[in-house]
Amino acid sequence: AWLARQQKQDGGWEYDQGSKEHRAAATGMALLPFLAAGETHKSSKNSPENKYKSVVDKGLKFLMAMCPPSGPNGGRIS
């Protein structure tokens, strides 16, 4: 719950006002405990009560915006 409250409006997390690269790393690290606990951005028949679905969804969208999977900046922080 504490980690979810630390999420920024744009969906990311940060380490002590770090740079863009640090925001991507902080967001990835913050998402790990949610994902390890089975919290995802998807609805599931096995787990219809995904308490942190919106937190994970916003975090993943933040990472996708910062690190596009393809194009000239594919796989890099833009």
Protein backbone atom coordinates (compact mmCIF):
# COMPACT_ATOMS: atom_id res chain seq x y z
CA ALA A 1 0.00 0.00 0.00
CA TRP A 2 2.85 2.40 0.85
CA LEU A 3 4.55 1.74 -2.47
CA ALA A 4 1.31 2.40 -4.36
CA ARG A 5 0.95 5.74 -2.56
CA GLN A 6 4.44 6.78 -3.74
CA GLN A 7 3.46 6.49 -7.42
CA LYS A 8 3.57 9.83 -9.24
CA GLN A 9 0.66 11.27 -11.26
CA ASP A 10 2.30 10.21 -14.54
CA GLY A 11 2.41 6.56 -13.40
CA GLY A 12 6.12 6.39 -12.58
CA TRP A 13 8.17 6.38 -9.44
CA GLU A 14 11.41 8.19 -8.71
CA TYR A 15 14.56 7.95 -6.61
CA ASP A 16 15.26 11.26 -4.88
CA GLN A 17 14.46 13.44 -7.91
CA GLY A 18 16.64 11.44 -10.29
CA SER A 19 16.99 11.86 -14.03
CA LYS A 20 14.80 10.21 -16.68
CA GLU A 21 16.99 7.12 -16.60
CA HIS A 22 16.54 6.89 -12.86
CA ARG A 23 12.77 7.26 -13.16
CA ALA A 24 12.61 4.28 -15.53
CA ALA A 25 14.75 2.20 -13.15
CA ALA A 26 12.73 3.29 -10.11
CA THR A 27 9.48 2.42 -11.88
CA GLY A 28 10.74 -0.99 -12.91
CA MET A 29 11.91 -1.72 -9.38
CA ALA A 30 8.63 -0.49 -7.88
CA LEU A 31 6.58 -2.72 -10.17
CA LEU A 32 8.48 -5.88 -9.21
CA PRO A 33 6.80 -6.48 -5.81
CA PHE A 34 3.34 -6.02 -7.34
CA LEU A 35 4.07 -8.44 -10.17
CA ALA A 36 5.72 -10.94 -7.81
CA ALA A 37 2.56 -10.88 -5.68
CA GLY A 38 0.47 -11.72 -8.74
CA GLU A 39 -0.87 -8.19 -9.25
CA THR A 40 -1.10 -7.38 -12.96
CA HIS A 41 -2.71 -4.88 -15.28
CA LYS A 42 -5.14 -7.55 -16.46
CA SER A 43 -8.38 -8.88 -15.02
CA SER A 44 -8.30 -12.57 -14.22
CA LYS A 45 -10.97 -15.17 -13.57
CA ASN A 46 -8.70 -16.70 -10.90
CA SER A 47 -8.12 -13.35 -9.20
CA PRO A 48 -10.99 -10.99 -9.95
CA GLU A 49 -10.00 -8.71 -7.07
CA ASN A 50 -6.79 -7.26 -8.41
CA LYS A 51 -6.37 -4.52 -5.81
CA TYR A 52 -3.46 -2.79 -7.53
CA LYS A 53 -4.51 -3.26 -11.16
CA SER A 54 -4.58 0.49 -11.89
CA VAL A 55 -1.22 1.05 -10.16
CA VAL A 56 0.45 -1.64 -12.26
CA ASP A 57 -1.31 -0.46 -15.43
CA LYS A 58 -0.16 3.13 -14.95
CA GLY A 59 3.38 1.99 -14.17
CA LEU A 60 3.61 -0.19 -17.27
CA LYS A 61 2.20 2.60 -19.46
CA PHE A 62 4.80 4.97 -18.03
CA LEU A 63 7.60 2.54 -18.92
CA MET A 64 6.20 1.96 -22.41
CA ALA A 65 6.09 5.71 -23.01
CA MET A 66 9.66 6.15 -21.80
CA CYS A 67 11.08 3.06 -23.51
CA PRO A 68 9.27 2.40 -26.80
CA PRO A 69 9.60 -1.22 -27.95
CA SER A 70 10.33 -0.25 -31.58
CA GLY A 71 11.27 2.67 -33.78
CA PRO A 72 14.40 4.83 -33.69
CA ASN A 73 14.53 4.78 -29.88
CA GLY A 74 13.41 1.17 -29.52
CA GLY A 75 14.52 -0.24 -26.18
CA ARG A 76 16.13 3.04 -25.09
CA ILE A 77 15.04 5.75 -22.72
CA SER A 78 13.66 8.56 -24.83
